[in-house]
Protein backbone atom coordinates (compact mmCIF):
# COMPACT_ATOMS: atom_id res chain seq x y z
CA MET A 1 11.24 -26.13 10.27
CA THR A 2 7.96 -26.10 8.45
CA ASP A 3 5.89 -29.14 7.56
CA ALA A 4 7.59 -29.34 4.17
CA GLY A 5 11.01 -29.53 5.80
CA GLN A 6 11.94 -25.96 4.81
CA PRO A 7 13.44 -23.56 7.36
CA ARG A 8 11.06 -20.95 8.74
CA THR A 9 11.56 -17.45 7.39
CA ASP A 10 8.93 -15.68 9.51
CA ASN A 11 10.98 -15.70 12.71
CA PRO A 12 9.93 -12.56 14.61
CA THR A 13 13.33 -12.30 16.30
CA THR A 14 15.10 -11.84 12.97
CA GLU A 15 16.17 -8.22 12.68
CA VAL A 16 16.15 -6.34 9.41
CA ASP A 17 19.67 -5.43 8.40
CA PRO A 18 19.74 -1.65 7.86
CA LEU A 19 22.90 -1.99 5.74
CA ASP A 20 22.95 -2.87 2.07
CA GLU A 21 25.32 -5.34 0.45
CA PHE A 22 28.10 -2.72 0.35
CA GLY A 23 27.93 -1.91 4.07
CA ASP A 24 26.22 1.44 3.49
CA VAL A 25 22.98 2.48 5.14
CA ALA A 26 20.05 1.56 2.90
CA ASP A 27 18.17 4.43 1.24
CA ASP A 28 14.92 3.64 3.05
CA GLN A 29 16.46 3.83 6.53
CA VAL A 30 16.17 6.79 8.89
CA LEU A 31 19.42 7.66 10.67
CA VAL A 32 20.03 8.76 14.27
CA GLU A 33 21.42 12.11 13.11
CA ASP A 34 18.10 12.79 11.32
CA ILE A 35 16.04 12.58 14.51
CA ALA A 36 16.33 16.27 15.47
CA SER A 37 15.18 17.41 12.02
CA ILE A 38 12.36 14.85 12.06
CA LYS A 39 11.12 16.17 15.40
CA GLY A 40 11.12 19.72 14.01
CA ALA A 41 9.27 18.62 10.89
CA LEU A 42 6.74 16.74 13.04
CA LEU A 43 6.07 19.83 15.15
CA ARG A 44 5.53 21.97 12.03
CA TYR A 45 3.20 19.37 10.56
CA ARG A 46 1.20 19.01 13.77
CA VAL A 47 0.70 22.77 14.13
CA MET A 48 -0.47 23.07 10.53
CA ALA A 49 -2.77 20.04 10.83
CA TYR A 50 -4.49 21.56 13.85
CA VAL A 51 -4.77 25.06 12.38
CA VAL A 52 -6.13 23.78 9.06
CA GLY A 53 -8.46 21.36 10.85
CA VAL A 54 -9.91 24.05 13.12
CA LEU A 55 -10.41 26.45 10.21
CA LEU A 56 -12.17 23.76 8.19
CA VAL A 57 -14.48 22.84 11.07
CA VAL A 58 -15.37 26.51 11.61
CA LEU A 59 -15.88 26.97 7.87
CA VAL A 60 -18.18 23.97 7.46
CA LEU A 61 -20.10 24.02 10.74
CA ILE A 62 -20.46 27.78 11.21
CA GLY A 63 -19.59 29.58 8.00
CA MET A 64 -21.58 27.51 5.53
CA PRO A 65 -24.85 27.57 7.51
CA LEU A 66 -24.48 31.32 8.04
CA LYS A 67 -23.90 31.86 4.35
CA TYR A 68 -26.57 29.59 2.90
CA ILE A 69 -29.28 29.93 5.56
CA TRP A 70 -28.88 33.55 6.73
CA ASN A 71 -27.03 35.03 3.70
CA ASP A 72 -24.03 36.14 5.78
CA GLY A 73 -20.79 35.18 4.04
CA ARG A 74 -18.33 36.90 6.40
CA VAL A 75 -17.28 33.73 8.23
CA VAL A 76 -16.78 31.89 4.94
CA THR A 77 -14.55 34.69 3.68
CA TRP A 78 -12.56 35.02 6.89
CA THR A 79 -12.01 31.29 7.37
CA GLY A 80 -12.21 29.89 3.83
CA VAL A 81 -9.41 31.97 2.33
CA PRO A 82 -6.94 31.34 5.20
CA HIS A 83 -7.88 27.65 5.18
CA GLY A 84 -7.06 27.43 1.48
CA TRP A 85 -3.66 29.09 1.83
CA LEU A 86 -2.74 27.25 5.01
CA TYR A 87 -3.83 23.96 3.45
CA MET A 88 -1.06 24.44 0.90
CA ILE A 89 1.42 24.92 3.75
CA LEU A 90 0.03 21.75 5.39
CA ILE A 91 0.77 19.85 2.19
CA ILE A 92 4.34 21.20 2.17
CA THR A 93 4.92 20.31 5.83
CA ALA A 94 3.43 16.84 5.32
CA PHE A 95 5.67 16.26 2.31
CA ASP A 96 8.71 17.48 4.28
CA LEU A 97 7.91 15.15 7.18
CA GLY A 98 7.13 12.25 4.86
CA ARG A 99 10.41 12.72 3.01
CA ARG A 100 12.35 12.63 6.25
CA VAL A 101 10.68 9.46 7.61
CA LYS A 102 10.41 7.74 4.21
CA TRP A 103 6.62 7.58 3.94
CA SER A 104 4.96 6.12 0.88
CA TRP A 105 3.10 8.30 -1.61
CA THR A 106 -0.12 6.61 -0.53
CA ARG A 107 0.28 7.88 3.02
CA LEU A 108 1.10 11.37 1.78
CA VAL A 109 -1.96 11.48 -0.47
CA GLY A 110 -4.10 10.26 2.42
CA ILE A 111 -2.80 13.05 4.64
CA ALA A 112 -3.43 15.58 1.89
CA LEU A 113 -7.01 14.40 1.46
CA ALA A 114 -7.58 14.41 5.22
CA GLY A 115 -7.17 18.19 5.19
CA THR A 116 -10.31 18.49 3.08
CA VAL A 117 -12.72 16.60 5.37
CA PRO A 118 -13.82 18.15 8.68
CA PHE A 119 -12.27 16.46 11.73
CA LEU A 120 -10.26 14.02 9.57
CA SER A 121 -7.08 16.12 9.73
CA PHE A 122 -7.07 15.50 13.49
CA VAL A 123 -7.31 11.75 12.93
CA ALA A 124 -4.59 11.80 10.26
CA GLU A 125 -2.37 13.89 12.53
CA HIS A 126 -2.82 11.39 15.36
CA PHE A 127 -1.79 8.40 13.25
CA ALA A 128 1.05 10.31 11.55
CA THR A 129 2.44 11.36 14.93
CA LYS A 130 2.14 7.81 16.24
CA ASN A 131 4.00 6.49 13.17
CA VAL A 132 6.78 9.08 13.41
CA ARG A 133 7.29 8.51 17.13
CA GLN A 134 7.47 4.77 16.51
CA THR A 135 10.01 5.34 13.73
CA ILE A 136 12.12 7.54 16.01
CA ALA A 137 12.02 4.91 18.76
CA GLU A 138 13.11 2.19 16.32
CA VAL A 139 16.00 4.32 15.04
CA GLU A 140 17.15 5.11 18.57
CA GLU A 141 16.93 1.43 19.50
CA ARG A 142 18.84 0.42 16.37
CA GLY A 143 21.48 3.08 17.00
CA ILE A 144 22.33 3.71 13.34
């Protein structure tokens, strides 16, 4: 009971009911049978995040100085173009993963923007992986 005599509603032992009022699984819940596809989507996302991140770091730290200081644009061409195309694939893999684990649009936009800042795609990948693994653990614990 609270000071006003009302029952407490912030009890940490209260579990969220994954079923809606009709006994069906709620739309925002991840199911046990989705775990295998989520793990595959996570692997695809992680690979793309690392590839895009490495290309961006090489482009910015090596290619840009070579181009603008020593007038040699080869590294920019050979890393910039693949980075641009692979960035689009990163967006697709992030959207696929986000759709499977029910991420918000804010998180997806943040991941998309992280692919444009050197080293930030590695940070975004770390937190995305942590979130997905936590979601998988909760689903396995819940058993639905």
